[in-house]
Amino acid sequence: MASPGAWRAFRLFFLGLAVLDLLLPLFLIPSGVTGFEQLGIGTYAQPRFFQLCVAAFLIQYVYIQYTAFRDPRAHATCVTLTLFIRLTFPIMYTSAIIVWGEPWSLIHTMFAAAAAGDVASAIYIIWGMRRFGLKLWQGDAEAIAPAPDSTWLRRILLVLAIAEFSISWNWMLAPKFWMTMFEVPFTVDPFWTRATGAFLLNIALIQFLAFIDINRYRTAVITSGVFRALWPLLYWYWAATGEGNFLFKLSITFFSFFDLISCITIFVMLHRSTSKGPRITPQTIVQPAGSTAAA
């Protein structure tokens, strides 16, 4: 039988991940270049635009992991998403180390340590899911009393998932080609570009889950909307002051309005759908033996 202490520790683990993913953007956004220079690895800070994109993704993960902390059972979708996110990072870090090769530097060590930490985190999440009876595709508590389906919302989410899936492979497999075309400078290797592509694969999965069932994976729908809300300000700022040619700035300006419209559409359609039917709140969920309700 699981103890209350083990359940509390499992929840607090997600809070710790959320805090960590909040601290990283707070470092990358204001001092992503100067901070790397002070560590003697300034050449790895480029391309700056995609470093900021990584910071935006981390802010999105703060929401996911904080929601999992609130109640891993009522918001089990966020537990699943956190697991996949943590499994993505080691692949990304290891591939960067391989691409960089010799000589071994501080950032190699940092990424190796981060990869080991994320593998350990994934193992702990899997252990916790098994101990507390959380299934991989369990979904959220709201699925117990589903609201009427929204066919158009699901279609929109599917289109967005396919788009992110397609774009992600361009950034991961041909970053140097696109950086050259868009005249975005980089030095050692466009790692941050490839990292952006890997993160886009995660958001594609999130939006695909939301497409499957907007009630069962309701937090995935919300996450998709949160994701869309993060980009317009970054895109407008970079189009006005950042590097890159006219084609690059034109494309990110277009996507800024596309994401803004998508964000508004997702939240409006989700509200209309859920307001038509009953909802089961996390407080109505019977907690497993040894667990406590979310604070």
C-alpha atoms as a PDB file:
ATOM      1  CA  MET A   1       0.000   0.000   0.000  1.00  0.00           C
ATOM      2  CA  ALA A   2       1.353   3.427  -0.969  1.00  0.00           C
ATOM      3  CA  SER A   3       2.051   5.747   1.935  1.00  0.00           C
ATOM      4  CA  PRO A   4       0.831   9.367   2.096  1.00  0.00           C
ATOM      5  CA  GLY A   5       4.476  10.422   2.204  1.00  0.00           C
ATOM      6  CA  ALA A   6       5.257   8.663  -1.072  1.00  0.00           C
ATOM      7  CA  TRP A   7       2.264  10.295  -2.770  1.00  0.00           C
ATOM      8  CA  ARG A   8       3.326  13.713  -1.447  1.00  0.00           C
ATOM      9  CA  ALA A   9       6.873  13.163  -2.665  1.00  0.00           C
ATOM     10  CA  PHE A  10       5.574  12.159  -6.094  1.00  0.00           C
ATOM     11  CA  ARG A  11       3.578  15.372  -6.342  1.00  0.00           C
ATOM     12  CA  LEU A  12       6.433  17.535  -5.082  1.00  0.00           C
ATOM     13  CA  PHE A  13       8.720  16.007  -7.685  1.00  0.00           C
ATOM     14  CA  PHE A  14       6.633  17.640 -10.425  1.00  0.00           C
ATOM     15  CA  LEU A  15       6.764  20.941  -8.563  1.00  0.00           C
ATOM     16  CA  GLY A  16      10.557  20.666  -8.499  1.00  0.00           C
ATOM     17  CA  LEU A  17      10.640  20.094 -12.260  1.00  0.00           C
ATOM     18  CA  ALA A  18       8.351  23.087 -12.791  1.00  0.00           C
ATOM     19  CA  VAL A  19      10.614  25.332 -10.695  1.00  0.00           C
ATOM     20  CA  LEU A  20      13.705  24.125 -12.584  1.00  0.00           C
ATOM     21  CA  ASP A  21      12.077  24.788 -15.956  1.00  0.00           C
ATOM     22  CA  LEU A  22      11.105  28.252 -14.726  1.00  0.00           C
ATOM     23  CA  LEU A  23      14.640  29.103 -13.610  1.00  0.00           C
ATOM     24  CA  LEU A  24      16.183  28.121 -16.954  1.00  0.00           C
ATOM     25  CA  PRO A  25      14.165  30.646 -19.024  1.00  0.00           C
ATOM     26  CA  LEU A  26      14.912  33.293 -16.409  1.00  0.00           C
ATOM     27  CA  PHE A  27      18.568  32.657 -17.233  1.00  0.00           C
ATOM     28  CA  LEU A  28      18.250  32.258 -21.004  1.00  0.00           C
ATOM     29  CA  ILE A  29      15.969  35.198 -21.800  1.00  0.00           C
ATOM     30  CA  PRO A  30      17.925  38.100 -20.239  1.00  0.00           C
ATOM     31  CA  SER A  31      21.463  36.666 -20.268  1.00  0.00           C
ATOM     32  CA  GLY A  32      21.575  33.667 -22.582  1.00  0.00           C
ATOM     33  CA  VAL A  33      24.590  35.057 -24.431  1.00  0.00           C
ATOM     34  CA  THR A  34      26.496  36.854 -21.665  1.00  0.00           C
ATOM     35  CA  GLY A  35      25.932  33.972 -19.252  1.00  0.00           C
ATOM     36  CA  PHE A  36      27.487  31.526 -21.690  1.00  0.00           C
ATOM     37  CA  GLU A  37      30.377  33.912 -22.298  1.00  0.00           C
ATOM     38  CA  GLN A  38      31.047  34.160 -18.570  1.00  0.00           C
ATOM     39  CA  LEU A  39      31.201  30.373 -18.429  1.00  0.00           C
ATOM     40  CA  GLY A  40      33.714  30.377 -21.284  1.00  0.00           C
ATOM     41  CA  ILE A  41      31.323  28.718 -23.748  1.00  0.00           C
ATOM     42  CA  GLY A  42      29.951  31.774 -25.539  1.00  0.00           C
ATOM     43  CA  THR A  43      30.276  30.159 -28.976  1.00  0.00           C
ATOM     44  CA  TYR A  44      27.480  27.741 -28.039  1.00  0.00           C
ATOM     45  CA  ALA A  45      24.935  30.515 -27.385  1.00  0.00           C
ATOM     46  CA  GLN A  46      23.952  30.918 -31.037  1.00  0.00           C
ATOM     47  CA  PRO A  47      21.546  31.067 -32.792  1.00  0.00           C
ATOM     48  CA  ARG A  48      20.014  33.411 -30.244  1.00  0.00           C
ATOM     49  CA  PHE A  49      16.489  33.387 -31.725  1.00  0.00           C
ATOM     50  CA  PHE A  50      16.135  29.653 -31.261  1.00  0.00           C
ATOM     51  CA  GLN A  51      17.650  29.866 -27.799  1.00  0.00           C
ATOM     52  CA  LEU A  52      14.710  32.136 -26.948  1.00  0.00           C
ATOM     53  CA  CYS A  53      12.361  29.614 -28.569  1.00  0.00           C
ATOM     54  CA  VAL A  54      13.714  26.941 -26.214  1.00  0.00           C
ATOM     55  CA  ALA A  55      13.052  29.295 -23.286  1.00  0.00           C
ATOM     56  CA  ALA A  56       9.446  29.693 -24.458  1.00  0.00           C
ATOM     57  CA  PHE A  57       9.001  25.921 -24.598  1.00  0.00           C
ATOM     58  CA  LEU A  58      10.328  25.615 -21.061  1.00  0.00           C
ATOM     59  CA  ILE A  59       7.701  28.106 -19.878  1.00  0.00           C
ATOM     60  CA  GLN A  60       5.061  25.878 -21.424  1.00  0.00           C
ATOM     61  CA  TYR A  61       6.494  22.898 -19.547  1.00  0.00           C
ATOM     62  CA  VAL A  62       6.206  24.871 -16.310  1.00  0.00           C
ATOM     63  CA  TYR A  63       2.437  24.846 -16.816  1.00  0.00           C
ATOM     64  CA  ILE A  64       2.380  21.121 -17.610  1.00  0.00           C
ATOM     65  CA  GLN A  65       4.466  20.068 -14.623  1.00  0.00           C
ATOM     66  CA  TYR A  66       2.774  22.445 -12.179  1.00  0.00           C
ATOM     67  CA  THR A  67      -0.596  21.040 -13.238  1.00  0.00           C
ATOM     68  CA  ALA A  68       0.720  17.526 -12.619  1.00  0.00           C
ATOM     69  CA  PHE A  69       1.858  18.653  -9.160  1.00  0.00           C
ATOM     70  CA  ARG A  70      -1.627  19.927  -8.296  1.00  0.00           C
ATOM     71  CA  ASP A  71      -3.020  16.412  -8.638  1.00  0.00           C
ATOM     72  CA  PRO A  72      -1.270  13.693 -10.684  1.00  0.00           C
ATOM     73  CA  ARG A  73      -4.458  11.625 -10.752  1.00  0.00           C
ATOM     74  CA  ALA A  74      -6.948  14.300 -11.776  1.00  0.00           C
ATOM     75  CA  HIS A  75      -4.471  15.627 -14.365  1.00  0.00           C
ATOM     76  CA  ALA A  76      -2.819  12.376 -15.420  1.00  0.00           C
ATOM     77  CA  THR A  77      -2.405  13.705 -18.963  1.00  0.00           C
ATOM     78  CA  CYS A  78       0.260  16.067 -17.636  1.00  0.00           C
ATOM     79  CA  VAL A  79       2.055  13.159 -15.981  1.00  0.00           C
ATOM     80  CA  THR A  80       2.204  11.385 -19.347  1.00  0.00           C
ATOM     81  CA  LEU A  81       3.381  14.532 -21.112  1.00  0.00           C
ATOM     82  CA  THR A  82       6.090  15.117 -18.514  1.00  0.00           C
ATOM     83  CA  LEU A  83       7.346  11.580 -19.028  1.00  0.00           C
ATOM     84  CA  PHE A  84       7.643  12.037 -22.778  1.00  0.00           C
ATOM     85  CA  ILE A  85       9.283  15.448 -22.339  1.00  0.00           C
ATOM     86  CA  ARG A  86      11.901  13.995 -19.995  1.00  0.00           C
ATOM     87  CA  LEU A  87      12.590  11.143 -22.410  1.00  0.00           C
ATOM     88  CA  THR A  88      13.117  13.640 -25.244  1.00  0.00           C
ATOM     89  CA  PHE A  89      15.787  15.681 -23.497  1.00  0.00           C
ATOM     90  CA  PRO A  90      18.456  12.940 -23.153  1.00  0.00           C
ATOM     91  CA  ILE A  91      18.234  12.178 -26.875  1.00  0.00           C
ATOM     92  CA  MET A  92      18.661  15.856 -27.669  1.00  0.00           C
ATOM     93  CA  TYR A  93      21.587  16.337 -25.279  1.00  0.00           C
ATOM     94  CA  THR A  94      23.376  13.174 -26.361  1.00  0.00           C
ATOM     95  CA  SER A  95      23.028  14.017 -30.041  1.00  0.00           C
ATOM     96  CA  ALA A  96      24.499  17.470 -29.380  1.00  0.00           C
ATOM     97  CA  ILE A  97      27.515  15.950 -27.601  1.00  0.00           C
ATOM     98  CA  ILE A  98      28.093  13.560 -30.502  1.00  0.00           C
ATOM     99  CA  VAL A  99      27.804  16.325 -33.105  1.00  0.00           C
ATOM    100  CA  TRP A 100      30.167  18.610 -31.213  1.00  0.00           C
ATOM    101  CA  GLY A 101      32.797  15.932 -30.658  1.00  0.00           C
ATOM    102  CA  GLU A 102      36.207  16.996 -29.321  1.00  0.00           C
ATOM    103  CA  PRO A 103      37.471  18.913 -27.477  1.00  0.00           C
ATOM    104  CA  TRP A 104      35.368  18.172 -24.413  1.00  0.00           C
ATOM    105  CA  SER A 105      34.171  21.402 -22.799  1.00  0.00           C
ATOM    106  CA  LEU A 106      32.054  22.572 -19.890  1.00  0.00           C
ATOM    107  CA  ILE A 107      28.856  22.493 -21.917  1.00  0.00           C
ATOM    108  CA  HIS A 108      29.544  18.845 -22.843  1.00  0.00           C
ATOM    109  CA  THR A 109      29.678  18.048 -19.132  1.00  0.00           C
ATOM    110  CA  MET A 110      26.545  20.094 -18.414  1.00  0.00           C
ATOM    111  CA  PHE A 111      24.566  18.308 -21.113  1.00  0.00           C
ATOM    112  CA  ALA A 112      25.812  14.868 -20.067  1.00  0.00           C
ATOM    113  CA  ALA A 113      24.724  15.583 -16.485  1.00  0.00           C
ATOM    114  CA  ALA A 114      21.373  16.920 -17.678  1.00  0.00           C
ATOM    115  CA  ALA A 115      20.785  13.816 -19.804  1.00  0.00           C
ATOM    116  CA  ALA A 116      21.517  11.555 -16.820  1.00  0.00           C
ATOM    117  CA  GLY A 117      19.182  13.618 -14.640  1.00  0.00           C
ATOM    118  CA  ASP A 118      16.340  13.397 -17.141  1.00  0.00           C
ATOM    119  CA  VAL A 119      16.749   9.636 -17.509  1.00  0.00           C
ATOM    120  CA  ALA A 120      16.565   9.330 -13.722  1.00  0.00           C
ATOM    121  CA  SER A 121      13.493  11.586 -13.690  1.00  0.00           C
ATOM    122  CA  ALA A 122      11.758   9.434 -16.306  1.00  0.00           C
ATOM    123  CA  ILE A 123      12.507   6.286 -14.315  1.00  0.00           C
ATOM    124  CA  TYR A 124      11.056   7.862 -11.161  1.00  0.00           C
ATOM    125  CA  ILE A 125       7.903   8.961 -13.011  1.00  0.00           C
ATOM    126  CA  ILE A 126       7.414   5.438 -14.386  1.00  0.00           C
ATOM    127  CA  TRP A 127       7.888   4.012 -10.885  1.00  0.00           C
ATOM    128  CA  GLY A 128       5.371   6.478  -9.452  1.00  0.00           C
ATOM    129  CA  MET A 129       2.817   5.752 -12.159  1.00  0.00           C
ATOM    130  CA  ARG A 130       3.033   2.030 -11.460  1.00  0.00           C
ATOM    131  CA  ARG A 131       2.912   2.482  -7.681  1.00  0.00           C
ATOM    132  CA  PHE A 132      -0.122   4.776  -7.738  1.00  0.00           C
ATOM    133  CA  GLY A 133      -1.990   3.017 -10.539  1.00  0.00           C
ATOM    134  CA  LEU A 134      -1.663   5.736 -13.171  1.00  0.00           C
ATOM    135  CA  LYS A 135      -1.940   4.457 -16.731  1.00  0.00           C
ATOM    136  CA  LEU A 136       0.097   5.932 -19.564  1.00  0.00           C
ATOM    137  CA  TRP A 137      -2.948   7.083 -21.561  1.00  0.00           C
ATOM    138  CA  GLN A 138      -5.295   7.468 -18.603  1.00  0.00           C
ATOM    139  CA  GLY A 139      -6.244  11.066 -19.294  1.00  0.00           C
ATOM    140  CA  ASP A 140      -7.829  13.609 -16.990  1.00  0.00           C
ATOM    141  CA  ALA A 141     -10.574  13.314 -14.395  1.00  0.00           C
ATOM    142  CA  GLU A 142     -12.960  15.407 -16.497  1.00  0.00           C
ATOM    143  CA  ALA A 143     -13.420  12.420 -18.813  1.00  0.00           C
ATOM    144  CA  ILE A 144     -15.739  10.840 -16.204  1.00  0.00           C
ATOM    145  CA  ALA A 145     -18.464  13.306 -17.204  1.00  0.00           C
ATOM    146  CA  PRO A 146     -17.551  14.383 -20.735  1.00  0.00           C
ATOM    147  CA  ALA A 147     -18.935  17.510 -22.319  1.00  0.00           C
ATOM    148  CA  PRO A 148     -20.300  17.377 -25.874  1.00  0.00           C
ATOM    149  CA  ASP A 149     -17.586  16.806 -28.448  1.00  0.00           C
ATOM    150  CA  SER A 150     -16.361  19.660 -30.632  1.00  0.00           C
ATOM    151  CA  THR A 151     -15.621  18.274 -34.074  1.00  0.00           C
ATOM    152  CA  TRP A 152     -14.169  21.516 -35.412  1.00  0.00           C
ATOM    153  CA  LEU A 153     -11.873  21.976 -32.426  1.00  0.00           C
ATOM    154  CA  ARG A 154     -10.566  18.457 -32.882  1.00  0.00           C
ATOM    155  CA  ARG A 155      -9.990  19.089 -36.589  1.00  0.00           C
ATOM    156  CA  ILE A 156      -8.068  22.279 -35.839  1.00  0.00           C
ATOM    157  CA  LEU A 157      -5.897  20.472 -33.303  1.00  0.00           C
ATOM    158  CA  LEU A 158      -5.171  17.693 -35.804  1.00  0.00           C
ATOM    159  CA  VAL A 159      -4.088  20.200 -38.448  1.00  0.00           C
ATOM    160  CA  LEU A 160      -1.851  21.938 -35.914  1.00  0.00           C
ATOM    161  CA  ALA A 161      -0.353  18.600 -34.829  1.00  0.00           C
ATOM    162  CA  ILE A 162       0.467  17.655 -38.424  1.00  0.00           C
ATOM    163  CA  ALA A 163       1.958  21.102 -39.070  1.00  0.00           C
ATOM    164  CA  GLU A 164       4.195  20.979 -35.975  1.00  0.00           C
ATOM    165  CA  PHE A 165       5.259  17.418 -36.785  1.00  0.00           C
ATOM    166  CA  SER A 166       6.278  18.438 -40.305  1.00  0.00           C
ATOM    167  CA  ILE A 167       8.079  21.627 -39.288  1.00  0.00           C
ATOM    168  CA  SER A 168       9.961  19.900 -36.492  1.00  0.00           C
ATOM    169  CA  TRP A 169      11.871  17.603 -38.830  1.00  0.00           C
ATOM    170  CA  ASN A 170      13.105  20.560 -40.885  1.00  0.00           C
ATOM    171  CA  TRP A 171      14.664  22.171 -37.819  1.00  0.00           C
ATOM    172  CA  MET A 172      16.131  18.886 -36.569  1.00  0.00           C
ATOM    173  CA  LEU A 173      17.504  17.416 -39.790  1.00  0.00           C
ATOM    174  CA  ALA A 174      18.540  20.500 -41.780  1.00  0.00           C
ATOM    175  CA  PRO A 175      19.197  23.345 -39.332  1.00  0.00           C
ATOM    176  CA  LYS A 176      22.298  24.630 -41.115  1.00  0.00           C
ATOM    177  CA  PHE A 177      20.444  24.790 -44.452  1.00  0.00           C
ATOM    178  CA  TRP A 178      17.622  26.874 -42.991  1.00  0.00           C
ATOM    179  CA  MET A 179      19.947  29.100 -40.972  1.00  0.00           C
ATOM    180  CA  THR A 180      21.924  29.848 -44.140  1.00  0.00           C
ATOM    181  CA  MET A 181      18.753  30.538 -46.142  1.00  0.00           C
ATOM    182  CA  PHE A 182      17.372  32.864 -43.460  1.00  0.00           C
ATOM    183  CA  GLU A 183      20.785  34.454 -42.769  1.00  0.00           C
ATOM    184  CA  VAL A 184      20.587  33.660 -39.077  1.00  0.00           C
ATOM    185  CA  PRO A 185      24.168  33.411 -37.735  1.00  0.00           C
ATOM    186  CA  PHE A 186      25.517  30.565 -35.642  1.00  0.00           C
ATOM    187  CA  THR A 187      29.001  29.514 -34.611  1.00  0.00           C
ATOM    188  CA  VAL A 188      29.807  25.970 -33.491  1.00  0.00           C
ATOM    189  CA  ASP A 189      26.515  24.258 -34.243  1.00  0.00           C
ATOM    190  CA  PRO A 190      22.837  25.343 -34.397  1.00  0.00           C
ATOM    191  CA  PHE A 191      21.962  23.186 -31.374  1.00  0.00           C
ATOM    192  CA  TRP A 192      19.151  25.484 -30.282  1.00  0.00           C
ATOM    193  CA  THR A 193      17.534  25.092 -33.694  1.00  0.00           C
ATOM    194  CA  ARG A 194      17.585  21.304 -33.419  1.00  0.00           C
ATOM    195  CA  ALA A 195      16.306  21.575 -29.852  1.00  0.00           C
ATOM    196  CA  THR A 196      13.380  23.669 -31.101  1.00  0.00           C
ATOM    197  CA  GLY A 197      12.586  20.919 -33.586  1.00  0.00           C
ATOM    198  CA  ALA A 198      12.632  18.291 -30.834  1.00  0.00           C
ATOM    199  CA  PHE A 199      10.310  20.398 -28.696  1.00  0.00           C
ATOM    200  CA  LEU A 200       7.947  20.785 -31.658  1.00  0.00           C
ATOM    201  CA  LEU A 201       7.641  17.002 -31.749  1.00  0.00           C
ATOM    202  CA  ASN A 202       6.408  17.151 -28.171  1.00  0.00           C
ATOM    203  CA  ILE A 203       3.787  19.786 -28.950  1.00  0.00           C
ATOM    204  CA  ALA A 204       2.711  17.711 -31.956  1.00  0.00           C
ATOM    205  CA  LEU A 205       2.077  14.786 -29.578  1.00  0.00           C
ATOM    206  CA  ILE A 206       0.210  17.072 -27.186  1.00  0.00           C
ATOM    207  CA  GLN A 207      -2.056  18.379 -29.935  1.00  0.00           C
ATOM    208  CA  PHE A 208      -2.621  14.887 -31.318  1.00  0.00           C
ATOM    209  CA  LEU A 209      -3.798  13.698 -27.885  1.00  0.00           C
ATOM    210  CA  ALA A 210      -6.100  16.713 -27.727  1.00  0.00           C
ATOM    211  CA  PHE A 211      -7.477  15.741 -31.139  1.00  0.00           C
ATOM    212  CA  ILE A 212      -8.198  12.186 -29.998  1.00  0.00           C
ATOM    213  CA  ASP A 213     -10.467  13.314 -27.151  1.00  0.00           C
ATOM    214  CA  ILE A 214     -10.835  16.919 -25.975  1.00  0.00           C
ATOM    215  CA  ASN A 215     -12.380  15.726 -22.701  1.00  0.00           C
ATOM    216  CA  ARG A 216     -10.142  12.851 -21.787  1.00  0.00           C
ATOM    217  CA  TYR A 217      -7.056  14.922 -22.620  1.00  0.00           C
ATOM    218  CA  ARG A 218      -8.462  18.309 -21.675  1.00  0.00           C
ATOM    219  CA  THR A 219      -5.176  19.596 -20.232  1.00  0.00           C
ATOM    220  CA  ALA A 220      -3.545  18.781 -23.575  1.00  0.00           C
ATOM    221  CA  VAL A 221      -6.053  21.113 -25.256  1.00  0.00           C
ATOM    222  CA  ILE A 222      -5.253  23.838 -22.710  1.00  0.00           C
ATOM    223  CA  THR A 223      -1.528  23.245 -23.189  1.00  0.00           C
ATOM    224  CA  SER A 224      -1.950  23.718 -26.931  1.00  0.00           C
ATOM    225  CA  GLY A 225      -3.585  27.079 -26.293  1.00  0.00           C
ATOM    226  CA  VAL A 226      -0.877  28.084 -23.807  1.00  0.00           C
ATOM    227  CA  PHE A 227       1.763  27.100 -26.362  1.00  0.00           C
ATOM    228  CA  ARG A 228       0.205  29.342 -29.016  1.00  0.00           C
ATOM    229  CA  ALA A 229       0.065  32.276 -26.610  1.00  0.00           C
ATOM    230  CA  LEU A 230       3.845  32.237 -26.037  1.00  0.00           C
ATOM    231  CA  TRP A 231       5.047  33.130 -29.518  1.00  0.00           C
ATOM    232  CA  PRO A 232       3.505  36.401 -30.821  1.00  0.00           C
ATOM    233  CA  LEU A 233       5.484  38.721 -28.515  1.00  0.00           C
ATOM    234  CA  LEU A 234       8.749  36.880 -29.226  1.00  0.00           C
ATOM    235  CA  TYR A 235       8.121  36.960 -32.962  1.00  0.00           C
ATOM    236  CA  TRP A 236       7.203  40.662 -32.994  1.00  0.00           C
ATOM    237  CA  TYR A 237      10.237  41.559 -30.899  1.00  0.00           C
ATOM    238  CA  TRP A 238      12.598  39.609 -33.157  1.00  0.00           C
ATOM    239  CA  ALA A 239      11.035  40.891 -36.385  1.00  0.00           C
ATOM    240  CA  ALA A 240      11.640  44.439 -35.139  1.00  0.00           C
ATOM    241  CA  THR A 241      15.125  44.113 -33.643  1.00  0.00           C
ATOM    242  CA  GLY A 242      16.614  40.675 -34.319  1.00  0.00           C
ATOM    243  CA  GLU A 243      18.862  39.036 -36.894  1.00  0.00           C
ATOM    244  CA  GLY A 244      17.782  37.297 -40.075  1.00  0.00           C
ATOM    245  CA  ASN A 245      16.772  38.399 -43.554  1.00  0.00           C
ATOM    246  CA  PHE A 246      13.436  39.756 -44.783  1.00  0.00           C
ATOM    247  CA  LEU A 247      12.124  36.269 -45.625  1.00  0.00           C
ATOM    248  CA  PHE A 248      12.771  35.043 -42.091  1.00  0.00           C
ATOM    249  CA  LYS A 249      11.161  38.056 -40.457  1.00  0.00           C
ATOM    250  CA  LEU A 250       8.199  37.862 -42.814  1.00  0.00           C
ATOM    251  CA  SER A 251       7.640  34.201 -41.921  1.00  0.00           C
ATOM    252  CA  ILE A 252       7.766  34.721 -38.154  1.00  0.00           C
ATOM    253  CA  THR A 253       5.457  37.741 -38.461  1.00  0.00           C
ATOM    254  CA  PHE A 254       2.957  35.563 -40.305  1.00  0.00           C
ATOM    255  CA  PHE A 255       3.196  32.844 -37.672  1.00  0.00           C
ATOM    256  CA  SER A 256       2.786  35.402 -34.886  1.00  0.00           C
ATOM    257  CA  PHE A 257      -0.725  36.250 -36.108  1.00  0.00           C
ATOM    258  CA  PHE A 258      -1.425  32.605 -36.946  1.00  0.00           C
ATOM    259  CA  ASP A 259      -0.565  31.567 -33.385  1.00  0.00           C
ATOM    260  CA  LEU A 260      -2.562  34.427 -31.880  1.00  0.00           C
ATOM    261  CA  ILE A 261      -5.666  33.486 -33.861  1.00  0.00           C
ATOM    262  CA  SER A 262      -5.141  29.786 -33.078  1.00  0.00           C
ATOM    263  CA  CYS A 263      -4.815  30.520 -29.350  1.00  0.00           C
ATOM    264  CA  ILE A 264      -8.036  32.527 -29.240  1.00  0.00           C
ATOM    265  CA  THR A 265      -9.875  29.938 -31.332  1.00  0.00           C
ATOM    266  CA  ILE A 266      -8.774  27.010 -29.149  1.00  0.00           C
ATOM    267  CA  PHE A 267      -9.813  28.627 -25.885  1.00  0.00           C
ATOM    268  CA  VAL A 268     -13.124  29.978 -27.222  1.00  0.00           C
ATOM    269  CA  MET A 269     -14.122  26.624 -28.729  1.00  0.00           C
ATOM    270  CA  LEU A 270     -13.010  24.711 -25.639  1.00  0.00           C
ATOM    271  CA  HIS A 271     -15.063  27.026 -23.405  1.00  0.00           C
ATOM    272  CA  ARG A 272     -18.132  26.618 -25.594  1.00  0.00           C
ATOM    273  CA  SER A 273     -17.801  22.854 -25.564  1.00  0.00           C
ATOM    274  CA  THR A 274     -17.214  22.396 -21.839  1.00  0.00           C
ATOM    275  CA  SER A 275     -19.943  24.871 -20.893  1.00  0.00           C
ATOM    276  CA  LYS A 276     -22.533  22.616 -22.544  1.00  0.00           C
ATOM    277  CA  GLY A 277     -21.977  19.622 -20.274  1.00  0.00           C
ATOM    278  CA  PRO A 278     -21.236  18.662 -16.668  1.00  0.00           C
ATOM    279  CA  ARG A 279     -17.720  18.508 -15.328  1.00  0.00           C
ATOM    280  CA  ILE A 280     -16.243  16.415 -12.572  1.00  0.00           C
ATOM    281  CA  THR A 281     -13.791  18.388 -10.478  1.00  0.00           C
ATOM    282  CA  PRO A 282     -10.648  16.820  -9.011  1.00  0.00           C
ATOM    283  CA  GLN A 283     -12.229  16.995  -5.526  1.00  0.00           C
ATOM    284  CA  THR A 284     -14.799  14.389  -6.553  1.00  0.00           C
ATOM    285  CA  ILE A 285     -12.180  11.830  -7.511  1.00  0.00           C
ATOM    286  CA  VAL A 286     -11.739   8.992  -5.043  1.00  0.00           C
ATOM    287  CA  GLN A 287      -8.105   9.091  -4.008  1.00  0.00           C
ATOM    288  CA  PRO A 288      -6.113   5.863  -3.955  1.00  0.00           C
ATOM    289  CA  ALA A 289      -5.083   4.328  -0.676  1.00  0.00           C
ATOM    290  CA  GLY A 290      -2.243   6.286   0.825  1.00  0.00           C
ATOM    291  CA  SER A 291      -2.774   9.377  -1.316  1.00  0.00           C
ATOM    292  CA  THR A 292      -4.099  12.795  -0.451  1.00  0.00           C
ATOM    293  CA  ALA A 293      -6.125  15.291  -2.435  1.00  0.00           C
ATOM    294  CA  ALA A 294      -4.316  18.081  -4.193  1.00  0.00           C
ATOM    295  CA  ALA A 295      -3.849  21.250  -2.265  1.00  0.00           C
END
